[in-house]
């Protein structure tokens, strides 16, 4: 008797009002991710872990939402489907899907730079705070990818009990003719989301890294994300029409760029930390393990 695998049939709607119109899981993931981020920013401020006061928080969230959406959308077309940019209507038809996390990172960086400049708060410290907000959204987004039956993994050649048959990977075929695949979306949810969330929150709450080494936490996040993303990409089906280079697909190569940025931030954090300590000494303010006040 052949091994039995879970059969996953995509259902992108929590509630579908009419055909193609309703409340989608992917949209809910974005909304819930921003709600969690808003709550965390307020909590950090109240507990003295962030210099971002309420006005800065509001601007940062607005910039972050716009940066995530616009950057993610344009990043998808620039990195994965540049030819589609010739059809401007394709870009605005968001219900057809198409978001790139790397493009979202770029958009969020532009947004946090604007908010930090407007409120005269260190760009590096703002970046440290922002990266603590991302993993929850990544976790929810990858779960939504799984529910939608998209971005599935490679075919599994030998039996493993957690393999999944994605009906969306072979439309019209009989289920017993569809090969089982890695649920790579769940691998990414566990690593990009849950693992990085636990690590980054531990660093924020249990160490003085934000106050004493501005930029280091952002660097650790970027490096950590790049490592787990490259790892998970080894189990993910290559994007259609984009051949891997040296065994790495487009997502893995883009992640290596994040790794370079992360290493630079980590390597230069000590210098910024000495500048913070010198400023504190000059103003006779003892260094603190906190970055703000209640």
Protein backbone atom coordinates (compact mmCIF):
# COMPACT_ATOMS: atom_id res chain seq x y z
CA UNK A 1 0.00 0.00 0.00
CA UNK A 2 1.52 3.39 -0.97
CA UNK A 3 2.29 5.86 1.80
CA UNK A 4 -0.57 8.18 2.75
CA UNK A 5 0.14 11.88 2.66
CA UNK A 6 -1.87 14.91 3.65
CA UNK A 7 -3.74 16.31 0.65
CA UNK A 8 -3.82 20.10 0.69
CA UNK A 9 -6.43 21.88 -1.37
CA UNK A 10 -5.98 25.66 -1.34
CA UNK A 11 -8.70 27.88 0.04
CA UNK A 12 -7.50 31.50 0.12
CA UNK A 13 -10.71 32.88 1.64
CA UNK A 14 -11.77 32.92 5.25
CA UNK A 15 -15.09 34.28 4.01
CA UNK A 16 -16.00 34.59 0.32
CA UNK A 17 -18.87 36.98 -0.34
CA UNK A 18 -19.04 36.44 -4.09
CA UNK A 19 -16.77 34.67 -6.53
CA UNK A 20 -13.25 36.07 -6.06
CA UNK A 21 -14.32 38.66 -3.49
CA UNK A 22 -14.00 38.16 0.24
CA UNK A 23 -11.72 38.15 3.25
CA UNK A 24 -8.47 36.44 2.31
CA UNK A 25 -6.08 34.74 4.72
CA UNK A 26 -3.13 36.54 3.14
CA UNK A 27 -4.71 39.93 3.75
CA UNK A 28 -5.53 38.94 7.31
CA UNK A 29 -1.89 37.94 7.84
CA UNK A 30 -0.76 41.44 6.86
CA UNK A 31 -3.36 43.13 9.04
CA UNK A 32 -2.63 40.98 12.08
CA UNK A 33 1.11 41.43 11.55
CA UNK A 34 0.75 45.22 11.67
CA UNK A 35 -1.56 45.02 14.70
CA UNK A 36 1.08 42.97 16.55
CA UNK A 37 3.80 45.40 15.46
CA UNK A 38 1.78 48.36 16.75
CA UNK A 39 1.28 46.66 20.10
CA UNK A 40 4.95 45.80 20.41
CA UNK A 41 6.05 49.38 19.66
CA UNK A 42 3.75 50.70 22.38
CA UNK A 43 5.00 48.05 24.83
CA UNK A 44 8.66 48.83 24.10
CA UNK A 45 8.02 52.53 24.78
CA UNK A 46 6.12 51.88 27.98
CA UNK A 47 8.85 49.55 29.29
CA UNK A 48 11.69 51.88 28.36
CA UNK A 49 13.14 49.68 25.62
CA UNK A 50 12.60 52.10 22.75
CA UNK A 51 13.07 55.85 22.15
CA UNK A 52 10.19 55.84 19.68
CA UNK A 53 7.50 57.98 21.30
CA UNK A 54 3.84 57.70 20.20
CA UNK A 55 4.14 60.26 17.39
CA UNK A 56 7.21 58.48 16.01
CA UNK A 57 5.43 55.15 16.36
CA UNK A 58 2.50 56.39 14.26
CA UNK A 59 4.78 57.69 11.53
CA UNK A 60 6.88 54.53 11.58
CA UNK A 61 3.85 52.26 11.26
CA UNK A 62 2.44 54.29 8.38
CA UNK A 63 5.80 54.29 6.61
CA UNK A 64 6.25 50.60 7.38
CA UNK A 65 2.88 49.63 5.94
CA UNK A 66 3.45 51.64 2.76
CA UNK A 67 7.01 50.39 2.47
CA UNK A 68 6.00 46.76 2.94
CA UNK A 69 3.21 46.91 0.40
CA UNK A 70 4.80 49.11 -2.27
CA UNK A 71 8.27 47.62 -1.86
CA UNK A 72 6.97 44.06 -1.75
CA UNK A 73 4.80 44.59 -4.81
CA UNK A 74 7.42 46.35 -6.94
CA UNK A 75 10.10 43.96 -5.68
CA UNK A 76 8.12 41.01 -6.98
CA UNK A 77 8.03 42.41 -10.50
CA UNK A 78 11.62 43.71 -10.46
CA UNK A 79 13.11 40.49 -9.09
CA UNK A 80 10.83 37.80 -10.50
CA UNK A 81 8.64 39.14 -13.34
CA UNK A 82 10.17 42.29 -14.86
CA UNK A 83 8.35 41.80 -18.16
CA UNK A 84 5.01 42.29 -16.38
CA UNK A 85 5.99 45.88 -15.56
CA UNK A 86 5.05 46.68 -19.17
CA UNK A 87 1.45 46.19 -18.08
CA UNK A 88 0.78 48.81 -15.37
CA UNK A 89 -2.63 47.27 -14.65
CA UNK A 90 -0.93 44.02 -13.68
CA UNK A 91 0.95 45.88 -10.96
CA UNK A 92 -2.21 47.23 -9.33
CA UNK A 93 -4.18 43.96 -9.58
CA UNK A 94 -3.08 42.91 -6.11
CA UNK A 95 -5.76 40.21 -5.88
CA UNK A 96 -3.79 38.21 -8.43
CA UNK A 97 -0.92 37.86 -5.95
CA UNK A 98 2.74 38.73 -6.20
CA UNK A 99 4.77 40.03 -3.25
CA UNK A 100 8.51 39.74 -2.57
CA UNK A 101 9.86 39.83 0.97
CA UNK A 102 13.19 41.27 -0.20
CA UNK A 103 11.38 44.15 -1.89
CA UNK A 104 9.44 44.66 1.32
CA UNK A 105 12.72 44.94 3.24
CA UNK A 106 13.87 47.72 0.92
CA UNK A 107 10.56 49.53 1.25
CA UNK A 108 10.60 49.26 5.04
CA UNK A 109 14.17 50.58 5.16
CA UNK A 110 13.16 53.67 3.20
CA UNK A 111 10.21 54.15 5.51
CA UNK A 112 12.23 53.79 8.72
CA UNK A 113 14.88 56.17 7.36
CA UNK A 114 12.17 58.79 6.80
CA UNK A 115 10.65 58.30 10.27
CA UNK A 116 14.04 58.38 12.00
CA UNK A 117 15.05 61.54 10.14
CA UNK A 118 11.76 63.28 10.85
CA UNK A 119 11.91 62.60 14.60
CA UNK A 120 15.69 62.96 14.92
CA UNK A 121 16.17 59.44 16.25
CA UNK A 122 19.21 57.34 15.36
CA UNK A 123 18.69 55.40 12.14
CA UNK A 124 20.55 52.43 13.61
CA UNK A 125 18.49 52.37 16.81
CA UNK A 126 15.29 52.70 14.79
CA UNK A 127 16.43 49.79 12.65
CA UNK A 128 17.10 47.69 15.75
CA UNK A 129 13.53 48.29 16.91
CA UNK A 130 11.98 47.67 13.50
CA UNK A 131 13.61 44.26 13.00
CA UNK A 132 11.98 43.00 16.21
CA UNK A 133 8.59 43.59 14.58
CA UNK A 134 9.21 41.65 11.39
CA UNK A 135 9.33 37.96 12.41
CA UNK A 136 5.70 37.87 13.60
CA UNK A 137 4.58 39.13 10.21
CA UNK A 138 6.84 36.65 8.43
CA UNK A 139 5.40 33.82 10.50
CA UNK A 140 1.82 34.75 9.64
CA UNK A 141 2.65 35.39 5.99
CA UNK A 142 4.24 31.98 5.50
CA UNK A 143 1.29 30.26 7.14
CA UNK A 144 -0.95 32.15 4.71
CA UNK A 145 1.26 30.94 1.83
CA UNK A 146 0.63 27.37 2.99
CA UNK A 147 -3.13 27.88 3.31
CA UNK A 148 -3.16 29.40 -0.18
CA UNK A 149 -1.29 26.38 -1.56
CA UNK A 150 1.43 28.54 -3.11
CA UNK A 151 5.24 28.60 -3.03
CA UNK A 152 5.26 24.87 -2.40
CA UNK A 153 8.40 22.81 -1.95
CA UNK A 154 10.31 20.41 -4.14
CA UNK A 155 9.12 16.90 -4.84
CA UNK A 156 10.15 14.44 -2.12
CA UNK A 157 11.71 11.34 -3.63
CA UNK A 158 11.65 9.12 -0.53
CA UNK A 159 8.85 8.73 1.99
CA UNK A 160 8.68 11.16 4.89
CA UNK A 161 5.53 11.40 7.00
CA UNK A 162 5.20 15.19 6.78
CA UNK A 163 5.15 15.36 2.97
CA UNK A 164 2.14 17.12 1.45
CA UNK A 165 0.28 16.70 -1.82
CA UNK A 166 -0.51 20.17 -3.08
CA UNK A 167 -3.35 19.91 -5.58
CA UNK A 168 -2.49 23.41 -6.84
CA UNK A 169 0.91 22.11 -8.02
CA UNK A 170 -0.77 19.95 -10.69
CA UNK A 171 -4.22 21.32 -11.57
CA UNK A 172 -6.55 18.79 -13.13
CA UNK A 173 -4.49 15.73 -12.21
CA UNK A 174 -5.80 12.88 -10.10
CA UNK A 175 -4.57 13.05 -6.52
CA UNK A 176 -2.79 9.70 -6.77
CA UNK A 177 -0.81 11.09 -9.71
CA UNK A 178 0.43 14.20 -7.90
CA UNK A 179 3.87 13.75 -6.27
CA UNK A 180 4.27 14.70 -2.59
CA UNK A 181 6.30 17.78 -1.81
CA UNK A 182 8.09 19.50 1.05
CA UNK A 183 5.77 21.91 2.90
CA UNK A 184 8.50 24.54 2.54
CA UNK A 185 6.11 27.31 3.57
CA UNK A 186 5.94 25.74 7.04
CA UNK A 187 9.73 25.35 7.16
CA UNK A 188 9.98 29.09 6.52
CA UNK A 189 7.27 29.88 9.07
CA UNK A 190 9.21 27.93 11.71
CA UNK A 191 12.61 29.48 10.91
CA UNK A 192 12.06 32.98 9.46
CA UNK A 193 9.11 33.45 11.79
CA UNK A 194 9.12 31.52 15.05
CA UNK A 195 12.87 30.96 15.48
CA UNK A 196 13.87 34.55 14.63
CA UNK A 197 10.98 35.92 16.70
CA UNK A 198 12.16 34.05 19.80
CA UNK A 199 15.80 35.04 19.29
CA UNK A 200 15.22 38.70 18.51
CA UNK A 201 12.81 39.19 21.41
CA UNK A 202 15.29 37.56 23.79
CA UNK A 203 18.02 39.90 22.61
CA UNK A 204 15.79 42.96 23.02
CA UNK A 205 14.50 42.17 26.51
CA UNK A 206 17.40 40.33 28.11
CA UNK A 207 20.47 42.16 26.79
CA UNK A 208 21.53 45.83 26.45
CA UNK A 209 22.36 45.40 22.76
CA UNK A 210 20.05 48.17 21.48
CA UNK A 211 21.41 50.81 23.85
CA UNK A 212 25.08 49.80 23.77
CA UNK A 213 25.57 48.53 20.20
CA UNK A 214 23.26 50.48 17.84
CA UNK A 215 22.70 48.58 14.61
CA UNK A 216 23.93 45.23 15.87
CA UNK A 217 20.48 43.76 16.46
CA UNK A 218 19.43 44.78 12.95
CA UNK A 219 22.58 43.13 11.64
CA UNK A 220 21.91 39.94 13.57
CA UNK A 221 18.39 39.81 12.18
CA UNK A 222 19.50 40.33 8.58
CA UNK A 223 22.24 37.73 8.89
CA UNK A 224 19.96 35.26 10.65
CA UNK A 225 17.20 35.76 8.10
CA UNK A 226 19.64 35.23 5.24
CA UNK A 227 20.93 31.98 6.75
CA UNK A 228 17.52 30.43 7.34
CA UNK A 229 16.16 31.71 4.03
CA UNK A 230 19.03 30.18 2.04
CA UNK A 231 18.53 26.94 3.99
CA UNK A 232 14.79 26.82 3.31
CA UNK A 233 15.24 27.70 -0.35
CA UNK A 234 16.94 24.33 -0.79
CA UNK A 235 13.56 22.69 -0.19
CA UNK A 236 11.46 25.16 -2.19
CA UNK A 237 10.51 24.69 -5.84
CA UNK A 238 12.41 27.03 -8.12
CA UNK A 239 10.46 29.93 -9.55
CA UNK A 240 9.08 29.19 -12.99
CA UNK A 241 11.24 30.57 -15.76
CA UNK A 242 14.13 31.53 -13.46
CA UNK A 243 16.96 29.02 -13.56
CA UNK A 244 19.15 28.64 -10.45
CA UNK A 245 22.71 29.96 -10.59
CA UNK A 246 25.40 27.82 -8.96
CA UNK A 247 22.63 25.80 -7.35
CA UNK A 248 20.99 28.83 -5.71
CA UNK A 249 17.70 30.34 -6.80
CA UNK A 250 16.80 34.03 -6.97
CA UNK A 251 15.55 34.21 -3.39
CA UNK A 252 18.77 32.70 -2.02
CA UNK A 253 20.97 35.14 -3.97
CA UNK A 254 18.96 38.12 -2.77
CA UNK A 255 19.31 36.81 0.78
CA UNK A 256 23.09 36.74 0.43
CA UNK A 257 22.91 40.50 -0.14
CA UNK A 258 21.08 40.84 3.18
CA UNK A 259 23.79 38.74 4.81
CA UNK A 260 26.48 41.17 3.61
CA UNK A 261 24.53 44.10 5.05
CA UNK A 262 24.06 42.20 8.31
CA UNK A 263 27.74 41.41 8.67
CA UNK A 264 28.63 45.07 8.08
CA UNK A 265 26.17 46.24 10.74
CA UNK A 266 27.54 43.74 13.25
CA UNK A 267 31.17 44.59 12.47
CA UNK A 268 30.63 48.34 12.87
CA UNK A 269 28.36 48.19 15.93
CA UNK A 270 31.24 48.30 18.43
CA UNK A 271 32.43 51.63 16.99
CA UNK A 272 28.96 53.11 17.32
CA UNK A 273 28.78 51.71 20.84
CA UNK A 274 31.97 53.53 21.81
CA UNK A 275 30.50 56.75 20.44
CA UNK A 276 27.38 56.25 22.57
CA UNK A 277 29.52 55.61 25.66
CA UNK A 278 31.68 58.68 24.99
CA UNK A 279 28.60 60.86 24.62
CA UNK A 280 27.14 59.49 27.84
CA UNK A 281 30.42 60.18 29.67
CA UNK A 282 30.62 63.71 28.28
CA UNK A 283 27.13 64.51 29.56
CA UNK A 284 27.79 62.69 32.87
CA UNK A 285 24.98 60.25 32.08
CA UNK A 286 25.82 56.67 33.05
CA UNK A 287 25.25 54.13 30.26
CA UNK A 288 21.95 52.30 30.56
CA UNK A 289 20.64 49.01 29.28
CA UNK A 290 17.48 50.82 28.21
CA UNK A 291 16.89 53.08 25.25
CA UNK A 292 13.98 55.23 26.36
CA UNK A 293 11.73 56.19 29.22
CA UNK A 294 8.18 55.41 30.18
